[in-house]
PDB file of all heavy atoms in Angstrom:
ATOM      1  N   VAL A   1     326.289 202.103 270.704  1.00  0.00           N
ATOM      2  CA  VAL A   1     327.396 201.283 271.012  1.00  0.00           C
ATOM      3  C   VAL A   1     327.777 201.280 272.496  1.00  0.00           C
ATOM      4  O   VAL A   1     328.518 200.455 272.964  1.00  0.00           O
ATOM      5  CB  VAL A   1     328.670 201.756 270.183  1.00  0.00           C
ATOM      6  CG1 VAL A   1     328.445 201.597 268.721  1.00  0.00           C
ATOM      7  CG2 VAL A   1     328.997 203.203 270.501  1.00  0.00           C
ATOM      8  N   ALA A   2     327.131 202.225 273.279  1.00  0.00           N
ATOM      9  CA  ALA A   2     327.415 202.243 274.682  1.00  0.00           C
ATOM     10  C   ALA A   2     326.310 203.082 275.321  1.00  0.00           C
ATOM     11  O   ALA A   2     325.930 204.121 274.839  1.00  0.00           O
ATOM     12  CB  ALA A   2     328.794 202.809 275.061  1.00  0.00           C
ATOM     13  N   ALA A   3     325.755 202.580 276.516  1.00  0.00           N
ATOM     14  CA  ALA A   3     324.847 203.290 277.307  1.00  0.00           C
ATOM     15  C   ALA A   3     325.413 203.381 278.718  1.00  0.00           C
ATOM     16  O   ALA A   3     325.395 202.376 279.466  1.00  0.00           O
ATOM     17  CB  ALA A   3     323.492 202.626 277.253  1.00  0.00           C
ATOM     18  N   CYS A   4     326.006 204.528 279.074  1.00  0.00           N
ATOM     19  CA  CYS A   4     326.738 204.612 280.294  1.00  0.00           C
ATOM     20  C   CYS A   4     326.014 205.231 281.447  1.00  0.00           C
ATOM     21  O   CYS A   4     325.198 206.226 281.268  1.00  0.00           O
ATOM     22  CB  CYS A   4     328.059 205.411 279.988  1.00  0.00           C
ATOM     23  SG  CYS A   4     329.021 204.813 278.625  1.00  0.00           S
ATOM     24  N   GLU A   5     326.277 204.820 282.683  1.00  0.00           N
ATOM     25  CA  GLU A   5     325.628 205.377 283.829  1.00  0.00           C
ATOM     26  C   GLU A   5     326.346 206.436 284.511  1.00  0.00           C
ATOM     27  O   GLU A   5     325.865 207.068 285.441  1.00  0.00           O
ATOM     28  CB  GLU A   5     325.295 204.265 284.828  1.00  0.00           C
ATOM     29  CG  GLU A   5     326.560 203.612 285.403  1.00  0.00           C
ATOM     30  CD  GLU A   5     326.201 202.470 286.333  1.00  0.00           C
ATOM     31  OE1 GLU A   5     324.982 202.170 286.519  1.00  0.00           O
ATOM     32  OE2 GLU A   5     327.148 201.905 286.926  1.00  0.00           O
ATOM     33  N   ASP A   6     327.561 206.739 284.089  1.00  0.00           N
ATOM     34  CA  ASP A   6     328.333 207.883 284.732  1.00  0.00           C
ATOM     35  C   ASP A   6     329.340 208.386 283.686  1.00  0.00           C
ATOM     36  O   ASP A   6     329.626 207.794 282.665  1.00  0.00           O
ATOM     37  CB  ASP A   6     328.952 207.463 286.013  1.00  0.00           C
ATOM     38  CG  ASP A   6     329.836 206.182 285.883  1.00  0.00           C
ATOM     39  OD1 ASP A   6     330.597 206.186 284.887  1.00  0.00           O
ATOM     40  OD2 ASP A   6     329.781 205.305 286.677  1.00  0.00           O
ATOM     41  N   GLY A   7     329.939 209.502 284.119  1.00  0.00           N
ATOM     42  CA  GLY A   7     330.906 210.183 283.210  1.00  0.00           C
ATOM     43  C   GLY A   7     332.215 209.365 283.054  1.00  0.00           C
ATOM     44  O   GLY A   7     332.886 209.383 281.987  1.00  0.00           O
ATOM     45  N   ALA A   8     332.650 208.698 284.130  1.00  0.00           N
ATOM     46  CA  ALA A   8     333.888 207.956 284.036  1.00  0.00           C
ATOM     47  C   ALA A   8     333.860 206.794 282.979  1.00  0.00           C
ATOM     48  O   ALA A   8     334.710 206.663 282.124  1.00  0.00           O
ATOM     49  CB  ALA A   8     334.254 207.329 285.401  1.00  0.00           C
ATOM     50  N   SER A   9     332.729 206.064 283.033  1.00  0.00           N
ATOM     51  CA  SER A   9     332.560 204.978 282.007  1.00  0.00           C
ATOM     52  C   SER A   9     332.352 205.627 280.588  1.00  0.00           C
ATOM     53  O   SER A   9     332.776 205.019 279.623  1.00  0.00           O
ATOM     54  CB  SER A   9     331.419 204.074 282.389  1.00  0.00           C
ATOM     55  OG  SER A   9     330.177 204.787 282.473  1.00  0.00           O
ATOM     56  N   ALA A  10     331.763 206.788 280.531  1.00  0.00           N
ATOM     57  CA  ALA A  10     331.565 207.439 279.229  1.00  0.00           C
ATOM     58  C   ALA A  10     332.894 207.787 278.609  1.00  0.00           C
ATOM     59  O   ALA A  10     333.129 207.647 277.432  1.00  0.00           O
ATOM     60  CB  ALA A  10     330.705 208.721 279.391  1.00  0.00           C
ATOM     61  N   LEU A  11     333.834 208.285 279.457  1.00  0.00           N
ATOM     62  CA  LEU A  11     335.175 208.566 278.981  1.00  0.00           C
ATOM     63  C   LEU A  11     335.874 207.316 278.393  1.00  0.00           C
ATOM     64  O   LEU A  11     336.493 207.412 277.353  1.00  0.00           O
ATOM     65  CB  LEU A  11     336.064 209.198 280.049  1.00  0.00           C
ATOM     66  CG  LEU A  11     335.685 210.630 280.463  1.00  0.00           C
ATOM     67  CD1 LEU A  11     336.468 211.021 281.783  1.00  0.00           C
ATOM     68  CD2 LEU A  11     335.923 211.654 279.381  1.00  0.00           C
ATOM     69  N   GLU A  12     335.772 206.210 279.126  1.00  0.00           N
ATOM     70  CA  GLU A  12     336.415 205.011 278.680  1.00  0.00           C
ATOM     71  C   GLU A  12     335.779 204.530 277.330  1.00  0.00           C
ATOM     72  O   GLU A  12     336.580 204.113 276.436  1.00  0.00           O
ATOM     73  CB  GLU A  12     336.197 203.863 279.793  1.00  0.00           C
ATOM     74  CG  GLU A  12     336.941 204.190 281.042  1.00  0.00           C
ATOM     75  CD  GLU A  12     336.649 203.181 282.124  1.00  0.00           C
ATOM     76  OE1 GLU A  12     335.892 202.224 281.846  1.00  0.00           O
ATOM     77  OE2 GLU A  12     337.266 203.252 283.205  1.00  0.00           O
ATOM     78  N   GLN A  13     334.464 204.593 277.229  1.00  0.00           N
ATOM     79  CA  GLN A  13     333.784 204.129 276.061  1.00  0.00           C
ATOM     80  C   GLN A  13     334.041 205.025 274.869  1.00  0.00           C
ATOM     81  O   GLN A  13     334.144 204.563 273.726  1.00  0.00           O
ATOM     82  CB  GLN A  13     332.267 203.946 276.322  1.00  0.00           C
ATOM     83  CG  GLN A  13     331.990 202.792 277.220  1.00  0.00           C
ATOM     84  CD  GLN A  13     332.426 201.461 276.718  1.00  0.00           C
ATOM     85  OE1 GLN A  13     332.086 201.129 275.585  1.00  0.00           O
ATOM     86  NE2 GLN A  13     333.080 200.659 277.511  1.00  0.00           N
ATOM     87  N   LEU A  14     334.101 206.332 275.162  1.00  0.00           N
ATOM     88  CA  LEU A  14     334.439 207.256 274.034  1.00  0.00           C
ATOM     89  C   LEU A  14     335.792 206.968 273.454  1.00  0.00           C
ATOM     90  O   LEU A  14     335.912 206.968 272.205  1.00  0.00           O
ATOM     91  CB  LEU A  14     334.314 208.685 274.526  1.00  0.00           C
ATOM     92  CG  LEU A  14     332.942 209.282 274.759  1.00  0.00           C
ATOM     93  CD1 LEU A  14     333.034 210.569 275.568  1.00  0.00           C
ATOM     94  CD2 LEU A  14     332.344 209.592 273.332  1.00  0.00           C
ATOM     95  N   ALA A  15     336.784 206.766 274.314  1.00  0.00           N
ATOM     96  CA  ALA A  15     338.086 206.443 273.780  1.00  0.00           C
ATOM     97  C   ALA A  15     338.145 205.159 273.076  1.00  0.00           C
ATOM     98  O   ALA A  15     338.857 204.979 272.020  1.00  0.00           O
ATOM     99  CB  ALA A  15     339.043 206.376 274.971  1.00  0.00           C
ATOM    100  N   GLU A  16     337.364 204.171 273.454  1.00  0.00           N
ATOM    101  CA  GLU A  16     337.340 202.811 272.804  1.00  0.00           C
ATOM    102  C   GLU A  16     336.529 202.807 271.547  1.00  0.00           C
ATOM    103  O   GLU A  16     336.960 202.325 270.507  1.00  0.00           O
ATOM    104  CB  GLU A  16     336.926 201.770 273.762  1.00  0.00           C
ATOM    105  CG  GLU A  16     336.844 200.392 273.142  1.00  0.00           C
ATOM    106  CD  GLU A  16     336.242 199.374 274.151  1.00  0.00           C
ATOM    107  OE1 GLU A  16     336.229 199.624 275.313  1.00  0.00           O
ATOM    108  OE2 GLU A  16     335.914 198.210 273.679  1.00  0.00           O
ATOM    109  N   LYS A  17     335.270 203.371 271.624  1.00  0.00           N
ATOM    110  CA  LYS A  17     334.294 203.194 270.542  1.00  0.00           C
ATOM    111  C   LYS A  17     334.443 204.288 269.447  1.00  0.00           C
ATOM    112  O   LYS A  17     334.050 204.043 268.335  1.00  0.00           O
ATOM    113  CB  LYS A  17     332.910 203.174 271.086  1.00  0.00           C
ATOM    114  CG  LYS A  17     332.738 202.165 272.213  1.00  0.00           C
ATOM    115  CD  LYS A  17     332.669 200.752 271.699  1.00  0.00           C
ATOM    116  CE  LYS A  17     332.290 199.769 272.785  1.00  0.00           C
ATOM    117  NZ  LYS A  17     332.340 198.395 272.383  1.00  0.00           N
ATOM    118  N   GLN A  18     334.909 205.487 269.827  1.00  0.00           N
ATOM    119  CA  GLN A  18     335.037 206.538 268.924  1.00  0.00           C
ATOM    120  C   GLN A  18     333.687 206.796 268.131  1.00  0.00           C
ATOM    121  O   GLN A  18     333.592 206.794 266.935  1.00  0.00           O
ATOM    122  CB  GLN A  18     336.104 206.336 267.875  1.00  0.00           C
ATOM    123  CG  GLN A  18     337.444 206.198 268.492  1.00  0.00           C
ATOM    124  CD  GLN A  18     338.054 207.507 268.921  1.00  0.00           C
ATOM    125  OE1 GLN A  18     338.217 208.446 268.147  1.00  0.00           O
ATOM    126  NE2 GLN A  18     338.436 207.622 270.135  1.00  0.00           N
ATOM    127  N   PRO A  19     332.524 207.065 268.893  1.00  0.00           N
ATOM    128  CA  PRO A  19     331.221 207.165 268.286  1.00  0.00           C
ATOM    129  C   PRO A  19     331.097 208.492 267.418  1.00  0.00           C
ATOM    130  O   PRO A  19     331.850 209.406 267.709  1.00  0.00           O
ATOM    131  CB  PRO A  19     330.284 207.139 269.453  1.00  0.00           C
ATOM    132  CG  PRO A  19     331.044 207.717 270.556  1.00  0.00           C
ATOM    133  CD  PRO A  19     332.429 207.193 270.339  1.00  0.00           C
ATOM    134  N   ASP A  20     330.113 208.472 266.563  1.00  0.00           N
ATOM    135  CA  ASP A  20     329.869 209.742 265.783  1.00  0.00           C
ATOM    136  C   ASP A  20     329.163 210.772 266.653  1.00  0.00           C
ATOM    137  O   ASP A  20     329.361 211.979 266.446  1.00  0.00           O
ATOM    138  CB  ASP A  20     329.025 209.385 264.545  1.00  0.00           C
ATOM    139  CG  ASP A  20     329.715 208.379 263.666  1.00  0.00           C
ATOM    140  OD1 ASP A  20     330.659 208.723 262.981  1.00  0.00           O
ATOM    141  OD2 ASP A  20     329.266 207.214 263.666  1.00  0.00           O
ATOM    142  N   ILE A  21     328.362 210.291 267.612  1.00  0.00           N
ATOM    143  CA  ILE A  21     327.469 211.147 268.389  1.00  0.00           C
ATOM    144  C   ILE A  21     327.557 210.712 269.832  1.00  0.00           C
ATOM    145  O   ILE A  21     327.627 209.527 270.119  1.00  0.00           O
ATOM    146  CB  ILE A  21     326.019 211.046 267.918  1.00  0.00           C
ATOM    147  CG1 ILE A  21     325.874 211.351 266.413  1.00  0.00           C
ATOM    148  CG2 ILE A  21     325.112 212.020 268.723  1.00  0.00           C
ATOM    149  CD1 ILE A  21     324.592 210.898 265.766  1.00  0.00           C
ATOM    150  N   ALA A  22     327.498 211.727 270.749  1.00  0.00           N
ATOM    151  CA  ALA A  22     327.476 211.468 272.157  1.00  0.00           C
ATOM    152  C   ALA A  22     326.319 212.229 272.758  1.00  0.00           C
ATOM    153  O   ALA A  22     326.355 213.446 272.682  1.00  0.00           O
ATOM    154  CB  ALA A  22     328.782 211.776 272.853  1.00  0.00           C
ATOM    155  N   PHE A  23     325.361 211.533 273.381  1.00  0.00           N
ATOM    156  CA  PHE A  23     324.254 212.210 274.085  1.00  0.00           C
ATOM    157  C   PHE A  23     324.692 212.213 275.560  1.00  0.00           C
ATOM    158  O   PHE A  23     324.718 211.227 276.241  1.00  0.00           O
ATOM    159  CB  PHE A  23     322.958 211.451 273.918  1.00  0.00           C
ATOM    160  CG  PHE A  23     322.435 211.353 272.546  1.00  0.00           C
ATOM    161  CD1 PHE A  23     322.794 210.371 271.690  1.00  0.00           C
ATOM    162  CD2 PHE A  23     321.511 212.317 272.110  1.00  0.00           C
ATOM    163  CE1 PHE A  23     322.328 210.311 270.365  1.00  0.00           C
ATOM    164  CE2 PHE A  23     321.034 212.299 270.793  1.00  0.00           C
ATOM    165  CZ  PHE A  23     321.436 211.329 269.886  1.00  0.00           C
ATOM    166  N   LEU A  24     325.007 213.392 276.077  1.00  0.00           N
ATOM    167  CA  LEU A  24     325.567 213.539 277.412  1.00  0.00           C
ATOM    168  C   LEU A  24     324.693 214.316 278.354  1.00  0.00           C
ATOM    169  O   LEU A  24     324.336 215.442 278.113  1.00  0.00           O
ATOM    170  CB  LEU A  24     326.924 214.378 277.275  1.00  0.00           C
ATOM    171  CG  LEU A  24     328.008 213.776 276.311  1.00  0.00           C
ATOM    172  CD1 LEU A  24     329.158 214.725 276.296  1.00  0.00           C
ATOM    173  CD2 LEU A  24     328.420 212.393 276.786  1.00  0.00           C
ATOM    174  N   ASP A  25     324.334 213.635 279.442  1.00  0.00           N
ATOM    175  CA  ASP A  25     323.593 214.330 280.490  1.00  0.00           C
ATOM    176  C   ASP A  25     324.503 215.340 281.165  1.00  0.00           C
ATOM    177  O   ASP A  25     325.647 215.038 281.495  1.00  0.00           O
ATOM    178  CB  ASP A  25     323.106 213.295 281.527  1.00  0.00           C
ATOM    179  CG  ASP A  25     322.241 213.892 282.637  1.00  0.00           C
ATOM    180  OD1 ASP A  25     321.808 215.077 282.468  1.00  0.00           O
ATOM    181  OD2 ASP A  25     322.138 213.262 283.695  1.00  0.00           O
ATOM    182  N   ILE A  26     324.064 216.566 281.300  1.00  0.00           N
ATOM    183  CA  ILE A  26     324.908 217.614 281.878  1.00  0.00           C
ATOM    184  C   ILE A  26     325.266 217.277 283.367  1.00  0.00           C
ATOM    185  O   ILE A  26     326.368 217.356 283.734  1.00  0.00           O
ATOM    186  CB  ILE A  26     324.232 218.984 281.815  1.00  0.00           C
ATOM    187  CG1 ILE A  26     324.226 219.476 280.364  1.00  0.00           C
ATOM    188  CG2 ILE A  26     324.941 219.995 282.640  1.00  0.00           C
ATOM    189  CD1 ILE A  26     323.600 220.860 280.208  1.00  0.00           C
ATOM    190  N   ARG A  27     324.193 216.935 284.128  1.00  0.00           N
ATOM    191  CA  ARG A  27     324.366 216.761 285.542  1.00  0.00           C
ATOM    192  C   ARG A  27     324.505 215.281 285.840  1.00  0.00           C
ATOM    193  O   ARG A  27     323.498 214.570 285.915  1.00  0.00           O
ATOM    194  CB  ARG A  27     323.216 217.308 286.244  1.00  0.00           C
ATOM    195  CG  ARG A  27     322.796 218.762 285.965  1.00  0.00           C
ATOM    196  CD  ARG A  27     323.725 219.758 286.545  1.00  0.00           C
ATOM    197  NE  ARG A  27     323.124 221.087 286.423  1.00  0.00           N
ATOM    198  CZ  ARG A  27     323.773 222.176 286.855  1.00  0.00           C
ATOM    199  NH1 ARG A  27     324.938 222.084 287.357  1.00  0.00           N
ATOM    200  NH2 ARG A  27     323.246 223.367 286.694  1.00  0.00           N
ATOM    201  N   MET A  28     325.760 214.817 286.083  1.00  0.00           N
ATOM    202  CA  MET A  28     325.919 213.521 286.593  1.00  0.00           C
ATOM    203  C   MET A  28     326.890 213.541 287.765  1.00  0.00           C
ATOM    204  O   MET A  28     327.792 214.417 287.876  1.00  0.00           O
ATOM    205  CB  MET A  28     326.621 212.582 285.504  1.00  0.00           C
ATOM    206  CG  MET A  28     325.698 212.290 284.379  1.00  0.00           C
ATOM    207  SD  MET A  28     326.444 211.111 283.140  1.00  0.00           S
ATOM    208  CE  MET A  28     327.639 212.168 282.343  1.00  0.00           C
ATOM    209  N   PRO A  29     326.751 212.624 288.747  1.00  0.00           N
ATOM    210  CA  PRO A  29     327.623 212.670 289.855  1.00  0.00           C
ATOM    211  C   PRO A  29     329.036 212.323 289.479  1.00  0.00           C
ATOM    212  O   PRO A  29     329.257 211.564 288.559  1.00  0.00           O
ATOM    213  CB  PRO A  29     327.064 211.560 290.834  1.00  0.00           C
ATOM    214  CG  PRO A  29     326.220 210.688 289.943  1.00  0.00           C
ATOM    215  CD  PRO A  29     325.657 211.580 288.808  1.00  0.00           C
ATOM    216  N   GLY A  30     330.086 212.958 290.086  1.00  0.00           N
ATOM    217  CA  GLY A  30     331.400 212.737 289.745  1.00  0.00           C
ATOM    218  C   GLY A  30     331.748 213.532 288.531  1.00  0.00           C
ATOM    219  O   GLY A  30     331.799 214.787 288.568  1.00  0.00           O
ATOM    220  N   ILE A  31     331.952 212.875 287.383  1.00  0.00           N
ATOM    221  CA  ILE A  31     332.383 213.500 286.099  1.00  0.00           C
ATOM    222  C   ILE A  31     331.117 213.900 285.377  1.00  0.00           C
ATOM    223  O   ILE A  31     330.273 213.008 285.006  1.00  0.00           O
ATOM    224  CB  ILE A  31     333.232 212.594 285.288  1.00  0.00           C
ATOM    225  CG1 ILE A  31     334.460 212.235 286.098  1.00  0.00           C
ATOM    226  CG2 ILE A  31     333.607 213.260 283.959  1.00  0.00           C
ATOM    227  CD1 ILE A  31     335.326 211.182 285.396  1.00  0.00           C
ATOM    228  N   SER A  32     330.867 215.150 285.137  1.00  0.00           N
ATOM    229  CA  SER A  32     329.621 215.640 284.507  1.00  0.00           C
ATOM    230  C   SER A  32     329.749 215.553 283.000  1.00  0.00           C
ATOM    231  O   SER A  32     330.819 215.331 282.458  1.00  0.00           O
ATOM    232  CB  SER A  32     329.388 217.057 284.895  1.00  0.00           C
ATOM    233  OG  SER A  32     330.308 217.943 284.299  1.00  0.00           O
ATOM    234  N   GLY A  33     328.596 215.665 282.360  1.00  0.00           N
ATOM    235  CA  GLY A  33     328.595 215.692 280.857  1.00  0.00           C
ATOM    236  C   GLY A  33     329.450 216.822 280.292  1.00  0.00           C
ATOM    237  O   GLY A  33     330.072 216.717 279.264  1.00  0.00           O
ATOM    238  N   ILE A  34     329.447 217.996 281.000  1.00  0.00           N
ATOM    239  CA  ILE A  34     330.281 219.133 280.548  1.00  0.00           C
ATOM    240  C   ILE A  34     331.757 218.693 280.631  1.00  0.00           C
ATOM    241  O   ILE A  34     332.508 219.019 279.667  1.00  0.00           O
ATOM    242  CB  ILE A  34     330.046 220.319 281.490  1.00  0.00           C
ATOM    243  CG1 ILE A  34     328.600 220.850 281.226  1.00  0.00           C
ATOM    244  CG2 ILE A  34     331.033 221.476 281.140  1.00  0.00           C
ATOM    245  CD1 ILE A  34     328.212 221.989 282.143  1.00  0.00           C
ATOM    246  N   GLN A  35     332.178 218.041 281.635  1.00  0.00           N
ATOM    247  CA  GLN A  35     333.587 217.592 281.754  1.00  0.00           C
ATOM    248  C   GLN A  35     333.910 216.578 280.701  1.00  0.00           C
ATOM    249  O   GLN A  35     335.010 216.583 280.137  1.00  0.00           O
ATOM    250  CB  GLN A  35     333.852 217.078 283.154  1.00  0.00           C
ATOM    251  CG  GLN A  35     333.781 218.160 284.223  1.00  0.00           C
ATOM    252  CD  GLN A  35     333.809 217.528 285.671  1.00  0.00           C
ATOM    253  OE1 GLN A  35     333.062 216.634 285.935  1.00  0.00           O
ATOM    254  NE2 GLN A  35     334.673 218.157 286.524  1.00  0.00           N
ATOM    255  N   VAL A  36     332.989 215.706 280.431  1.00  0.00           N
ATOM    256  CA  VAL A  36     333.196 214.666 279.360  1.00  0.00           C
ATOM    257  C   VAL A  36     333.371 215.443 278.052  1.00  0.00           C
ATOM    258  O   VAL A  36     334.333 215.058 277.283  1.00  0.00           O
ATOM    259  CB  VAL A  36     332.036 213.721 279.280  1.00  0.00           C
ATOM    260  CG1 VAL A  36     332.224 212.836 278.077  1.00  0.00           C
ATOM    261  CG2 VAL A  36     331.993 212.861 280.533  1.00  0.00           C
ATOM    262  N   ALA A  37     332.564 216.389 277.780  1.00  0.00           N
ATOM    263  CA  ALA A  37     332.706 217.132 276.514  1.00  0.00           C
ATOM    264  C   ALA A  37     334.044 217.810 276.356  1.00  0.00           C
ATOM    265  O   ALA A  37     334.557 217.929 275.269  1.00  0.00           O
ATOM    266  CB  ALA A  37     331.544 218.133 276.379  1.00  0.00           C
ATOM    267  N   ARG A  38     334.536 218.350 277.479  1.00  0.00           N
ATOM    268  CA  ARG A  38     335.871 218.965 277.435  1.00  0.00           C
ATOM    269  C   ARG A  38     336.963 218.042 277.047  1.00  0.00           C
ATOM    270  O   ARG A  38     337.980 218.486 276.447  1.00  0.00           O
ATOM    271  CB  ARG A  38     336.223 219.527 278.772  1.00  0.00           C
ATOM    272  CG  ARG A  38     335.475 220.892 279.155  1.00  0.00           C
ATOM    273  CD  ARG A  38     336.065 221.502 280.394  1.00  0.00           C
ATOM    274  NE  ARG A  38     335.357 222.718 280.663  1.00  0.00           N
ATOM    275  CZ  ARG A  38     335.636 223.888 280.192  1.00  0.00           C
ATOM    276  NH1 ARG A  38     336.549 224.026 279.257  1.00  0.00           N
ATOM    277  NH2 ARG A  38     334.947 224.956 280.549  1.00  0.00           N
ATOM    278  N   ALA A  39     336.789 216.773 277.303  1.00  0.00           N
ATOM    279  CA  ALA A  39     337.841 215.751 277.027  1.00  0.00           C
ATOM    280  C   ALA A  39     337.708 215.182 275.618  1.00  0.00           C
ATOM    281  O   ALA A  39     338.605 214.446 275.166  1.00  0.00           O
ATOM    282  CB  ALA A  39     337.753 214.650 278.010  1.00  0.00           C
ATOM    283  N   LEU A  40     336.626 215.517 274.890  1.00  0.00           N
ATOM    284  CA  LEU A  40     336.504 214.893 273.586  1.00  0.00           C
ATOM    285  C   LEU A  40     337.575 215.262 272.552  1.00  0.00           C
ATOM    286  O   LEU A  40     337.954 214.471 271.690  1.00  0.00           O
ATOM    287  CB  LEU A  40     335.119 215.396 272.960  1.00  0.00           C
ATOM    288  CG  LEU A  40     333.904 214.613 273.495  1.00  0.00           C
ATOM    289  CD1 LEU A  40     332.612 215.267 272.937  1.00  0.00           C
ATOM    290  CD2 LEU A  40     333.976 213.168 273.196  1.00  0.00           C
ATOM    291  N   GLY A  41     338.173 216.451 272.652  1.00  0.00           N
ATOM    292  CA  GLY A  41     339.234 216.814 271.758  1.00  0.00           C
ATOM    293  C   GLY A  41     340.363 215.838 271.764  1.00  0.00           C
ATOM    294  O   GLY A  41     341.061 215.600 270.796  1.00  0.00           O
ATOM    295  N   GLU A  42     340.648 215.284 272.927  1.00  0.00           N
ATOM    296  CA  GLU A  42     341.752 214.309 273.139  1.00  0.00           C
ATOM    297  C   GLU A  42     341.268 212.901 272.845  1.00  0.00           C
ATOM    298  O   GLU A  42     341.962 212.090 272.251  1.00  0.00           O
ATOM    299  CB  GLU A  42     342.366 214.388 274.531  1.00  0.00           C
ATOM    300  CG  GLU A  42     343.015 215.717 274.781  1.00  0.00           C
ATOM    301  CD  GLU A  42     344.291 215.903 274.036  1.00  0.00           C
ATOM    302  OE1 GLU A  42     344.936 214.938 273.567  1.00  0.00           O
ATOM    303  OE2 GLU A  42     344.679 217.064 273.837  1.00  0.00           O
ATOM    304  N   LEU A  43     340.038 212.532 273.330  1.00  0.00           N
ATOM    305  CA  LEU A  43     339.604 211.151 273.324  1.00  0.00           C
ATOM    306  C   LEU A  43     338.952 210.748 272.074  1.00  0.00           C
ATOM    307  O   LEU A  43     339.130 209.639 271.545  1.00  0.00           O
ATOM    308  CB  LEU A  43     338.653 210.891 274.492  1.00  0.00           C
ATOM    309  CG  LEU A  43     339.268 211.100 275.894  1.00  0.00           C
ATOM    310  CD1 LEU A  43     338.142 210.847 276.951  1.00  0.00           C
ATOM    311  CD2 LEU A  43     340.407 210.113 276.129  1.00  0.00           C
ATOM    312  N   SER A  44     338.091 211.584 271.519  1.00  0.00           N
ATOM    313  CA  SER A  44     337.246 211.208 270.324  1.00  0.00           C
ATOM    314  C   SER A  44     336.908 212.547 269.576  1.00  0.00           C
ATOM    315  O   SER A  44     335.778 212.984 269.628  1.00  0.00           O
ATOM    316  CB  SER A  44     335.978 210.552 270.767  1.00  0.00           C
ATOM    317  OG  SER A  44     335.273 210.012 269.705  1.00  0.00           O
ATOM    318  N   PRO A  45     337.894 213.089 268.908  1.00  0.00           N
ATOM    319  CA  PRO A  45     337.710 214.452 268.289  1.00  0.00           C
ATOM    320  C   PRO A  45     336.626 214.564 267.237  1.00  0.00           C
ATOM    321  O   PRO A  45     336.169 215.652 266.995  1.00  0.00           O
ATOM    322  CB  PRO A  45     339.091 214.752 267.714  1.00  0.00           C
ATOM    323  CG  PRO A  45     339.733 213.397 267.521  1.00  0.00           C
ATOM    324  CD  PRO A  45     339.257 212.572 268.597  1.00  0.00           C
TER     325      PRO A  45
END
């Protein structure tokens, strides 16, 4: 449902799409995959 090039767009798409699975690259410039995972409890539990 979304193929994102950075963590910021991943956060937006997670909140909108509420996917079952997120494949997250750990090392991304700006917002990393680890930081995105920390936000899942609020955005897409």
